[in-house]
Amino acid sequence: MPQTSIVFSSILGPSCSGQGQPGMGERGSGAGSSGDLVFQEGRLISGSLEALMEHLVPTVDYYPDRTYIFTFLLSSRVFIPPHDLLARVGQICLERRQQLETGSEKAKLKSFSAKIVQLLKEWTEAFPYDFQDEKAMAELKVITHRVTQCDEENGTVKKAIAQMTQSLLLSLAARNQLQELREKLRSPAMDKGSVLKAKPPATQKDILGMCCDPLVLAQQLTHIELERVSSIHPEDLMQIVSHMDSRDKHRCRGDLTKTYSLEAYDNWFNCLSMLVATEVCRVVKKKHRTRMLEFFIDVARECFNIGNFNSMMAIISGMNLSPVARLKKTWSKVKTAKFDVLEHHMDPSSNFCNYRTALQGATQRSQMANSSREKIVIPVFNLFVKDIYFLHKIHTNHLPNGHVNFKKFWEISRQIHEFMTWTQVECPFEKDKKIQNYLLTAPIYSEEALFIASFESEGPENHMEKDSWKTLRTTLLNRA
C-alpha cells in the first residue's frame, strides 16, 4: 500500500561520540558549570539543562567538542526555543566577559571573544533557520555587539562577525527562495474522472514511451529523491521529537511550517506509488501490462543497486496495491523471480531486518567510496522517521533526578547527522528534464479510478470483487 505514515499522522495532525573532558571522571564540571554534568567512561550522559547550556559556552581555556555543539543545539529545542537559548548563551557570555574584565587580562578577553564568535558561526551554519526568528536575530546582534567591544584596535573579531552575518543572510535568502519555489510546485494531477470507457488515446504517452531503459529511469528517480531530500534540515527532523512531547512543560512546540519538507517528501513516496499503479492499470492490452510490470521490477532493482531504497520501496508498494496485485492473469505472464528478490529485501518481518542489512552495506560502501556514484544512500524515509519516533518514545527526556537524558539525544543526533550526510551527496547522473517532468506531472488515478481500470482489464473473480465493481459502477452512473 502507499506509505501512510503513522508517525506523521500522530505527530503532525562519523558518530557523535560526545567525549568529555579528560580526567573528569564519572561526574564533571564541564566548562564552568555547577558540577551538574554526569559522564560515563568519558561520555556525557546527563545533566541539568542549565549545566548543559553552560557546557556549550566557551571559556579562555575551553571550547566544546563540535559533536556536542551540534547535538545540544539540535536537541535543546525540545526544551527551550532557540531564541531563548541564544539569550541565555548571551547572558553566560556577559558573565564570563565581566570576570575577565575585572582581571584586566586583555589578551584573554580577545581569545574568549574569538571563541564566542566561532560558536555563533557554527550555530548559524548548522541551523540558519533559527535566525529567521526576529527575536533570535536581535539576540545575535546583542551578543556580537558585546564581543566587539574588546576588539577596537585591529578589528579581527569585527571582521569575523561581518563575514558570519553575511553568510547567514545569504543562507536565509536562499532558503526563502527555495520555500517560494516549493509552494509553486504542484503534486501530480489526480485523475478522478470517470474511466468506465476511458481507454488511453493511441497518441498518449506512457512511461515506456518516455523511457524504456530501467537504469536511466532509476537514475532520474535518484535525481528527484536527492533534490527533495536536500530540502530537509536537522531541525525539521527534530520536530518529530518536539511535537510529540506534550508532557514537558518547558518544551519548544516548534514551528509547524518546518514540517512542510517532511510532509512533502513523504507525499512524494505516495505519488510515486500511485504513478506506478496508474501506469500498469491504464494499459489496455495484457501483453503490454506484463511488459510494464517487468519494466518497473527492473527499475526497482536498479534503484536498489544505486542505493536508492526510497524509490525502490515506493515502486514495490505501487505494484502491491490491490488494483495491481489482483491482476492475476497479467502476473501469471510476469517473470517474478526478480520481484521475489526485491520483496525479500523489503520483508517487514523482524523490523525490516533484510532491508537494514542492505542499508548497512550501502552505508559502508558510501563511507569507503572513491566516486560519487558509490556514495549514494537514500533510506526508506518513512522507516527512518519511525526509528527516530520510537527512539524518542521508548526513552524519557528526563531522568528521575531531573537531569536531561543526554544519552538519548546523542543517539538521535547520531542518526540525524548520518541522514544529513547522505542528503549532501551530489547526484552524479546526467539529468533528463523530459523524464523528470513526466514523473512529476503525469496524471495519476485516484484509488477509485485504479479499481475501475483494473476491473475493466480483468473482471471480478469473487463475490467481494463483484460487489465492489457493482458499487463503483453505480456510483459513477449516479455521479454522471
Protein backbone atom coordinates (compact mmCIF):
# COMPACT_ATOMS: atom_id res chain seq x y z
CA MET A 1 0.00 0.00 0.00
CA PRO A 2 1.11 3.62 -0.37
CA GLN A 3 3.14 4.91 2.51
CA THR A 4 0.71 6.20 5.13
CA SER A 5 2.97 7.23 7.96
CA ILE A 6 1.53 6.68 11.43
CA VAL A 7 4.29 8.99 12.61
CA PHE A 8 3.18 11.97 10.55
CA SER A 9 -0.49 11.44 11.32
CA SER A 10 0.06 11.17 15.06
CA ILE A 11 2.66 13.93 15.43
CA LEU A 12 1.55 16.50 12.92
CA GLY A 13 -2.44 16.23 12.97
CA PRO A 14 31.07 9.96 11.56
CA SER A 15 29.22 9.12 15.03
CA CYS A 16 28.68 11.83 17.60
CA SER A 17 30.78 10.35 20.35
CA GLY A 18 30.36 13.19 22.79
CA GLN A 19 33.68 12.70 24.51
CA GLY A 20 34.01 14.61 27.75
CA GLN A 21 36.97 16.48 29.09
CA PRO A 22 39.93 14.23 30.06
CA GLY A 23 40.21 13.47 33.71
CA MET A 24 36.64 14.43 34.58
CA GLY A 25 35.80 11.00 35.96
CA GLU A 26 32.20 9.96 36.31
CA ARG A 27 30.93 13.40 37.30
CA GLY A 28 32.45 16.50 35.81
CA SER A 29 32.19 20.23 35.98
CA GLY A 30 32.23 20.84 32.23
CA ALA A 31 33.01 24.43 31.36
CA GLY A 32 32.24 26.43 34.43
CA SER A 33 29.03 24.57 35.27
CA SER A 34 27.95 23.82 38.83
CA GLY A 35 29.22 20.26 38.57
CA ASP A 36 25.78 19.16 37.42
CA LEU A 37 27.03 17.05 34.47
CA VAL A 38 27.38 13.28 34.59
CA PHE A 39 29.93 11.41 32.48
CA GLN A 40 30.29 7.68 31.97
CA GLU A 41 33.60 6.42 30.59
CA GLY A 42 34.33 9.95 29.38
CA ARG A 43 30.96 10.28 27.66
CA LEU A 44 28.46 12.92 28.73
CA ILE A 45 25.22 11.09 29.51
CA SER A 46 23.11 13.54 31.53
CA GLY A 47 22.94 16.93 33.17
CA SER A 48 20.62 19.73 34.13
CA LEU A 49 19.53 21.98 31.26
CA GLU A 50 21.38 24.88 32.86
CA ALA A 51 24.61 22.90 33.16
CA LEU A 52 24.30 21.72 29.56
CA MET A 53 23.89 25.33 28.42
CA GLU A 54 26.97 26.38 30.38
CA HIS A 55 28.87 23.45 28.85
CA LEU A 56 28.06 24.92 25.42
CA VAL A 57 29.67 28.30 26.10
CA PRO A 58 33.47 28.53 25.71
CA THR A 59 35.95 29.93 28.21
CA VAL A 60 39.51 31.10 27.70
CA ASP A 61 40.77 27.53 28.27
CA TYR A 62 37.84 25.51 26.86
CA TYR A 63 35.93 25.08 23.62
CA PRO A 64 33.13 22.49 23.32
CA ASP A 65 33.51 19.47 21.07
CA ARG A 66 31.82 20.05 17.70
CA THR A 67 29.67 16.97 18.09
CA TYR A 68 28.43 18.33 21.41
CA ILE A 69 27.62 21.70 19.83
CA PHE A 70 25.58 20.04 17.07
CA THR A 71 23.83 17.62 19.44
CA PHE A 72 22.94 20.18 22.07
CA LEU A 73 21.77 22.84 19.60
CA LEU A 74 19.67 20.20 17.85
CA SER A 75 18.14 18.66 20.97
CA SER A 76 17.77 21.80 23.10
CA ARG A 77 14.77 22.96 21.03
CA VAL A 78 12.78 20.18 22.66
CA PHE A 79 13.08 22.11 25.94
CA ILE A 80 13.67 25.75 25.02
CA PRO A 81 13.07 27.86 21.88
CA PRO A 82 16.30 28.75 20.02
CA HIS A 83 15.91 32.49 20.66
CA ASP A 84 15.59 31.88 24.42
CA LEU A 85 18.65 29.63 24.34
CA LEU A 86 20.56 32.32 22.47
CA ALA A 87 19.54 34.87 25.11
CA ARG A 88 20.83 32.56 27.84
CA VAL A 89 24.08 31.98 25.93
CA GLY A 90 24.47 35.75 25.69
CA GLN A 91 23.90 36.10 29.42
CA ILE A 92 26.55 33.46 30.22
CA CYS A 93 28.95 35.15 27.80
CA LEU A 94 28.42 38.51 29.53
CA GLU A 95 29.04 36.98 32.95
CA ARG A 96 32.29 35.37 31.81
CA ARG A 97 33.35 38.51 29.97
CA GLN A 98 32.88 40.59 33.13
CA GLN A 99 35.05 38.16 35.09
CA LEU A 100 37.85 38.62 32.54
CA GLU A 101 37.44 42.40 32.52
CA THR A 102 37.86 42.60 36.29
CA GLY A 103 41.08 40.63 35.95
CA SER A 104 42.43 43.19 33.44
CA GLU A 105 43.58 40.42 31.10
CA LYS A 106 43.05 41.94 27.66
CA ALA A 107 44.69 39.08 25.73
CA LYS A 108 42.44 36.50 27.37
CA LEU A 109 39.43 38.69 26.66
CA LYS A 110 40.24 38.70 22.95
CA SER A 111 40.73 34.93 22.96
CA PHE A 112 37.38 34.47 24.68
CA SER A 113 35.63 36.78 22.20
CA ALA A 114 37.08 34.88 19.24
CA LYS A 115 35.76 31.60 20.65
CA ILE A 116 32.29 33.09 21.14
CA VAL A 117 32.26 34.20 17.50
CA GLN A 118 33.35 30.71 16.45
CA LEU A 119 30.47 29.19 18.43
CA LEU A 120 27.99 31.58 16.84
CA LYS A 121 29.46 30.82 13.41
CA GLU A 122 28.92 27.08 13.90
CA TRP A 123 25.37 27.75 15.10
CA THR A 124 24.45 29.94 12.12
CA GLU A 125 25.95 27.46 9.67
CA ALA A 126 24.31 24.37 11.14
CA PHE A 127 20.90 25.89 11.95
CA PRO A 128 20.41 29.10 9.94
CA TYR A 129 16.63 28.73 10.09
CA ASP A 130 16.81 29.50 13.85
CA PHE A 131 17.66 33.08 12.89
CA GLN A 132 14.59 33.70 10.77
CA ASP A 133 13.01 34.49 14.12
CA GLU A 134 13.35 38.24 14.72
CA LYS A 135 13.96 37.60 18.43
CA ALA A 136 16.90 35.31 17.63
CA MET A 137 18.39 37.83 15.21
CA ALA A 138 18.04 40.57 17.81
CA GLU A 139 19.80 38.41 20.41
CA LEU A 140 22.57 37.65 17.91
CA LYS A 141 23.13 41.39 17.39
CA VAL A 142 23.29 42.00 21.14
CA ILE A 143 25.90 39.26 21.68
CA THR A 144 28.07 40.30 18.72
CA HIS A 145 27.96 43.93 19.87
CA ARG A 146 29.26 42.90 23.28
CA VAL A 147 32.15 40.80 21.97
CA THR A 148 33.35 43.50 19.55
CA GLN A 149 33.97 45.92 22.41
CA CYS A 150 37.30 44.21 23.12
CA ASP A 151 38.47 44.47 19.52
CA GLU A 152 38.72 48.18 18.89
CA GLU A 153 42.40 48.03 17.86
CA ASN A 154 42.69 45.60 14.92
CA GLY A 155 39.06 44.69 14.17
CA THR A 156 39.73 40.96 13.75
CA VAL A 157 36.63 39.94 15.68
CA LYS A 158 34.51 42.54 13.89
CA LYS A 159 35.63 41.19 10.51
CA ALA A 160 34.75 37.62 11.54
CA ILE A 161 31.30 38.76 12.72
CA ALA A 162 30.67 40.64 9.46
CA GLN A 163 31.56 37.54 7.42
CA MET A 164 29.36 35.33 9.61
CA THR A 165 26.41 37.73 9.32
CA GLN A 166 26.76 37.99 5.54
CA SER A 167 26.86 34.19 5.16
CA LEU A 168 23.81 33.85 7.42
CA LEU A 169 21.78 36.39 5.43
CA LEU A 170 22.70 34.69 2.15
CA SER A 171 21.72 31.31 3.57
CA LEU A 172 18.36 32.63 4.81
CA ALA A 173 17.68 34.30 1.46
CA ALA A 174 18.42 31.04 -0.39
CA ARG A 175 16.12 29.09 1.90
CA ASN A 176 13.33 31.62 1.46
CA GLN A 177 13.66 31.38 -2.33
CA LEU A 178 13.54 27.61 -2.09
CA GLN A 179 10.41 27.79 0.05
CA GLU A 180 8.72 30.02 -2.53
CA LEU A 181 9.68 27.59 -5.29
CA ARG A 182 8.27 24.65 -3.34
CA GLU A 183 4.95 26.44 -2.91
CA LYS A 184 4.70 26.87 -6.68
CA LEU A 185 5.26 23.18 -7.32
CA ARG A 186 2.19 21.05 -7.65
CA SER A 187 1.76 17.36 -6.95
CA PRO A 188 0.94 15.21 -9.97
CA ALA A 189 -2.65 15.80 -11.05
CA MET A 190 -5.10 13.29 -9.68
CA ASP A 191 -7.42 11.93 -12.34
CA LYS A 192 -10.71 11.49 -10.52
CA GLY A 193 -12.89 11.43 -13.59
CA SER A 194 -14.89 8.52 -14.95
CA VAL A 195 -12.74 5.88 -16.58
CA LEU A 196 -15.51 3.42 -17.40
CA LYS A 197 -14.72 3.78 -21.08
CA ALA A 198 -11.69 5.99 -20.85
CA LYS A 199 -9.12 3.98 -22.76
CA PRO A 200 -5.94 5.99 -23.31
CA PRO A 201 -5.69 7.59 -26.77
CA ALA A 202 -3.19 6.00 -29.09
CA THR A 203 -1.12 9.19 -29.02
CA GLN A 204 -0.98 9.39 -25.23
CA LYS A 205 2.46 8.51 -23.93
CA ASP A 206 3.11 6.22 -21.01
CA ILE A 207 6.31 5.84 -19.03
CA LEU A 208 7.73 3.35 -21.56
CA GLY A 209 7.14 5.92 -24.29
CA MET A 210 9.29 8.36 -22.31
CA CYS A 211 12.00 5.99 -21.13
CA CYS A 212 12.48 2.31 -21.88
CA ASP A 213 15.79 1.92 -20.03
CA PRO A 214 15.26 0.86 -16.36
CA LEU A 215 18.70 2.18 -15.34
CA VAL A 216 18.03 5.63 -16.79
CA LEU A 217 14.66 5.87 -15.04
CA ALA A 218 16.23 4.75 -11.74
CA GLN A 219 18.87 7.47 -12.16
CA GLN A 220 16.20 10.14 -12.79
CA LEU A 221 14.28 8.97 -9.73
CA THR A 222 17.51 9.29 -7.75
CA HIS A 223 17.86 12.87 -9.00
CA ILE A 224 14.36 13.68 -7.76
CA GLU A 225 14.96 11.96 -4.42
CA LEU A 226 18.21 13.85 -3.74
CA GLU A 227 16.71 17.19 -4.78
CA ARG A 228 13.73 16.72 -2.49
CA VAL A 229 15.54 15.25 0.49
CA SER A 230 18.12 18.07 0.36
CA SER A 231 15.39 20.48 1.47
CA ILE A 232 15.11 18.64 4.80
CA HIS A 233 17.23 20.06 7.61
CA PRO A 234 18.22 18.69 11.04
CA GLU A 235 15.80 20.95 12.90
CA ASP A 236 12.97 19.73 10.64
CA LEU A 237 13.65 16.16 11.75
CA MET A 238 13.76 17.25 15.39
CA GLN A 239 10.12 18.28 15.02
CA ILE A 240 9.38 14.56 15.25
CA VAL A 241 10.54 14.76 18.85
CA SER A 242 9.39 18.22 19.90
CA HIS A 243 5.82 17.88 18.59
CA MET A 244 5.02 14.67 20.40
CA ASP A 245 6.47 15.56 23.80
CA SER A 246 3.33 17.02 25.37
CA ARG A 247 4.38 16.11 28.91
CA ASP A 248 7.30 18.52 29.02
CA LYS A 249 6.00 21.86 30.30
CA HIS A 250 9.04 23.73 29.01
CA ARG A 251 9.27 22.12 25.61
CA CYS A 252 9.62 24.13 22.44
CA ARG A 253 6.47 23.44 20.45
CA GLY A 254 8.30 24.21 17.25
CA ASP A 255 7.17 25.87 14.10
CA LEU A 256 4.61 23.77 12.27
CA THR A 257 5.75 25.26 8.97
CA LYS A 258 9.06 23.46 9.39
CA THR A 259 7.28 20.14 8.93
CA TYR A 260 6.39 21.08 5.33
CA SER A 261 9.57 19.50 3.98
CA LEU A 262 8.89 16.26 5.86
CA GLU A 263 5.32 16.03 4.64
CA ALA A 264 6.25 16.97 1.06
CA TYR A 265 8.91 14.27 0.90
CA ASP A 266 6.58 11.71 2.46
CA ASN A 267 3.93 12.69 -0.10
CA TRP A 268 6.41 12.14 -2.96
CA PHE A 269 6.61 8.46 -1.95
CA ASN A 270 2.83 8.11 -2.17
CA CYS A 271 2.69 9.89 -5.53
CA LEU A 272 5.35 7.58 -6.97
CA SER A 273 3.50 4.50 -5.71
CA MET A 274 0.25 5.71 -7.26
CA LEU A 275 2.01 6.62 -10.52
CA VAL A 276 3.35 3.06 -10.82
CA ALA A 277 -0.13 1.64 -10.20
CA THR A 278 -1.65 4.07 -12.73
CA GLU A 279 0.88 3.19 -15.44
CA VAL A 280 0.04 -0.51 -15.01
CA CYS A 281 -3.74 -0.28 -14.64
CA ARG A 282 -4.38 2.11 -17.51
CA VAL A 283 -2.76 -0.23 -20.04
CA VAL A 284 -5.42 -1.98 -22.15
CA LYS A 285 -3.54 -4.97 -23.52
CA LYS A 286 -2.38 -7.72 -21.20
CA LYS A 287 0.90 -8.17 -23.07
CA HIS A 288 1.70 -4.50 -22.58
CA ARG A 289 0.72 -4.64 -18.88
CA THR A 290 3.08 -7.58 -18.41
CA ARG A 291 5.88 -5.61 -20.02
CA MET A 292 5.06 -2.61 -17.80
CA LEU A 293 5.26 -4.70 -14.63
CA GLU A 294 8.56 -6.27 -15.67
CA PHE A 295 9.90 -2.82 -16.51
CA PHE A 296 9.09 -1.46 -13.04
CA ILE A 297 10.62 -4.54 -11.43
CA ASP A 298 13.84 -3.80 -13.32
CA VAL A 299 13.67 -0.12 -12.30
CA ALA A 300 13.25 -1.10 -8.65
CA ARG A 301 16.25 -3.43 -8.93
CA GLU A 302 18.38 -0.64 -10.43
CA CYS A 303 17.28 1.66 -7.60
CA PHE A 304 18.45 -0.97 -5.12
CA ASN A 305 21.82 -1.25 -6.86
CA ILE A 306 22.24 2.55 -6.77
CA GLY A 307 21.32 2.72 -3.07
CA ASN A 308 18.00 4.50 -3.70
CA PHE A 309 15.90 2.46 -1.27
CA ASN A 310 13.10 5.03 -1.00
CA SER A 311 12.17 4.85 -4.71
CA MET A 312 12.58 1.10 -4.65
CA MET A 313 10.12 0.75 -1.79
CA ALA A 314 7.66 3.15 -3.46
CA ILE A 315 7.70 1.10 -6.68
CA ILE A 316 7.18 -2.16 -4.80
CA SER A 317 4.35 -0.56 -2.82
CA GLY A 318 2.70 0.57 -6.06
CA MET A 319 2.82 -2.94 -7.53
CA ASN A 320 1.40 -4.36 -4.29
CA LEU A 321 -1.64 -2.06 -4.34
CA SER A 322 -4.82 -4.11 -4.59
CA PRO A 323 -5.85 -2.90 -8.09
CA VAL A 324 -2.47 -4.09 -9.42
CA ALA A 325 -1.98 -7.17 -7.21
CA ARG A 326 -5.38 -8.62 -8.24
CA LEU A 327 -4.41 -8.77 -11.94
CA LYS A 328 -3.62 -12.49 -11.70
CA LYS A 329 -3.75 -13.20 -15.43
CA THR A 330 -1.22 -10.45 -16.04
CA TRP A 331 1.04 -11.52 -13.17
CA SER A 332 0.98 -15.10 -14.45
CA LYS A 333 2.92 -13.92 -17.51
CA VAL A 334 5.48 -11.98 -15.46
CA LYS A 335 8.86 -13.48 -14.64
CA THR A 336 8.60 -12.86 -10.91
CA ALA A 337 11.97 -14.21 -9.72
CA LYS A 338 13.49 -10.71 -9.63
CA PHE A 339 10.39 -9.32 -7.92
CA ASP A 340 10.61 -12.00 -5.25
CA VAL A 341 14.20 -10.95 -4.52
CA LEU A 342 13.13 -7.34 -4.14
CA GLU A 343 10.29 -8.25 -1.80
CA HIS A 344 12.75 -10.31 0.24
CA HIS A 345 14.88 -7.19 0.75
CA MET A 346 11.79 -5.26 1.86
CA ASP A 347 10.32 -8.03 4.02
CA PRO A 348 8.83 -6.27 7.10
CA SER A 349 9.48 -9.20 9.44
CA SER A 350 11.96 -8.73 12.28
CA ASN A 351 11.67 -4.95 11.95
CA PHE A 352 12.76 -4.98 8.29
CA CYS A 353 15.91 -6.90 9.14
CA ASN A 354 16.81 -7.64 5.49
CA TYR A 355 16.41 -4.01 4.47
CA ARG A 356 18.52 -2.82 7.40
CA THR A 357 21.28 -5.23 6.42
CA ALA A 358 21.22 -3.87 2.87
CA LEU A 359 21.19 -0.29 4.18
CA GLN A 360 24.21 -1.04 6.37
CA GLY A 361 26.03 -2.44 3.35
CA ALA A 362 25.23 0.66 1.30
CA THR A 363 26.39 2.86 4.18
CA GLN A 364 29.73 1.06 4.38
CA ARG A 365 30.13 1.34 0.61
CA SER A 366 29.41 5.06 0.85
CA GLN A 367 31.99 5.60 3.59
CA MET A 368 34.72 3.89 1.56
CA ALA A 369 33.62 5.27 -1.83
CA ASN A 370 36.03 6.79 -4.30
CA SER A 371 33.28 8.04 -6.62
CA SER A 372 30.04 9.92 -6.04
CA ARG A 373 28.11 7.02 -7.63
CA GLU A 374 29.12 4.79 -4.73
CA LYS A 375 28.26 7.42 -2.11
CA ILE A 376 24.51 7.41 -2.74
CA VAL A 377 22.39 6.24 0.19
CA ILE A 378 18.70 7.16 0.18
CA PRO A 379 16.98 5.28 3.02
CA VAL A 380 13.29 4.47 3.15
CA PHE A 381 12.25 7.78 4.68
CA ASN A 382 9.18 6.53 6.47
CA LEU A 383 11.22 3.87 8.28
CA PHE A 384 13.89 6.42 9.21
CA VAL A 385 11.23 8.71 10.70
CA LYS A 386 9.71 5.81 12.62
CA ASP A 387 13.13 4.92 14.04
CA ILE A 388 13.53 8.47 15.40
CA TYR A 389 9.94 8.46 16.64
CA PHE A 390 10.24 5.21 18.58
CA LEU A 391 13.72 6.03 19.86
CA HIS A 392 12.18 9.13 21.39
CA LYS A 393 9.13 7.29 22.62
CA ILE A 394 10.90 4.46 24.48
CA HIS A 395 13.42 6.75 26.24
CA THR A 396 12.39 9.59 28.54
CA ASN A 397 13.66 13.12 28.12
CA HIS A 398 14.38 13.41 31.83
CA LEU A 399 15.89 11.01 34.34
CA PRO A 400 14.36 10.55 37.83
CA ASN A 401 16.78 13.14 39.24
CA GLY A 402 15.51 15.75 36.79
CA HIS A 403 18.55 15.62 34.51
CA VAL A 404 18.18 15.75 30.75
CA ASN A 405 18.72 12.23 29.40
CA PHE A 406 21.51 13.33 27.09
CA LYS A 407 22.47 9.76 26.23
CA LYS A 408 19.20 9.52 24.33
CA PHE A 409 19.88 12.72 22.40
CA TRP A 410 23.37 11.57 21.41
CA GLU A 411 21.76 8.63 19.59
CA ILE A 412 19.03 10.73 17.94
CA SER A 413 21.66 13.24 16.86
CA ARG A 414 23.91 10.47 15.51
CA GLN A 415 21.14 9.12 13.30
CA ILE A 416 20.10 12.57 12.08
CA HIS A 417 23.74 13.51 11.38
CA GLU A 418 24.19 10.33 9.33
CA PHE A 419 20.99 11.07 7.40
CA MET A 420 22.15 14.63 6.68
CA THR A 421 25.47 13.28 5.37
CA TRP A 422 23.53 11.19 2.84
CA THR A 423 21.43 14.16 1.71
CA GLN A 424 24.52 16.21 0.83
CA VAL A 425 25.73 13.80 -1.86
CA GLU A 426 25.69 15.38 -5.31
CA CYS A 427 23.82 13.28 -7.85
CA PRO A 428 26.37 12.05 -10.43
CA PHE A 429 23.88 11.11 -13.14
CA GLU A 430 23.02 13.22 -16.15
CA LYS A 431 19.69 14.95 -15.72
CA ASP A 432 16.90 14.32 -18.22
CA LYS A 433 14.30 17.07 -17.81
CA LYS A 434 11.70 15.39 -20.03
CA ILE A 435 11.70 12.19 -18.00
CA GLN A 436 11.68 14.07 -14.71
CA ASN A 437 8.85 16.29 -15.88
CA TYR A 438 6.81 13.21 -16.75
CA LEU A 439 7.49 11.61 -13.36
CA LEU A 440 6.49 14.78 -11.52
CA THR A 441 3.48 15.90 -13.57
CA ALA A 442 1.90 12.83 -15.19
CA PRO A 443 -1.74 12.46 -14.09
CA ILE A 444 -2.31 9.67 -11.59
CA TYR A 445 -5.54 7.80 -10.97
CA SER A 446 -7.44 8.04 -7.74
CA GLU A 447 -7.90 4.80 -5.82
CA GLU A 448 -11.43 4.54 -7.22
CA ALA A 449 -10.22 5.02 -10.79
CA LEU A 450 -7.50 2.42 -10.30
CA PHE A 451 -10.03 -0.20 -9.27
CA ILE A 452 -12.30 0.60 -12.21
CA ALA A 453 -9.41 0.33 -14.67
CA SER A 454 -8.30 -2.91 -13.00
CA PHE A 455 -11.78 -4.46 -13.22
CA GLU A 456 -12.07 -3.43 -16.87
CA SER A 457 -8.78 -5.18 -17.62
CA GLU A 458 -9.59 -8.33 -15.67
CA GLY A 459 -13.17 -8.81 -14.48
CA PRO A 460 -14.07 -9.50 -10.84
CA GLU A 461 -13.40 -13.09 -9.78
CA ASN A 462 -15.28 -13.46 -6.50
CA HIS A 463 -18.38 -12.13 -4.75
CA MET A 464 -16.46 -9.43 -2.92
CA GLU A 465 -14.93 -8.07 -6.12
CA LYS A 466 -18.27 -8.32 -7.94
CA ASP A 467 -19.94 -6.28 -5.18
CA SER A 468 -17.15 -3.68 -5.31
CA TRP A 469 -17.40 -3.45 -9.08
CA LYS A 470 -21.17 -3.04 -8.93
CA THR A 471 -20.89 -0.31 -6.29
CA LEU A 472 -18.30 1.58 -8.31
CA ARG A 473 -20.41 1.47 -11.48
CA THR A 474 -23.50 2.64 -9.61
CA THR A 475 -21.56 5.50 -8.01
CA LEU A 476 -20.21 6.67 -11.36
CA LEU A 477 -23.58 6.44 -13.09
CA ASN A 478 -25.22 8.47 -10.32
CA ARG A 479 -22.40 10.98 -10.50
CA ALA A 480 -22.92 11.29 -14.25
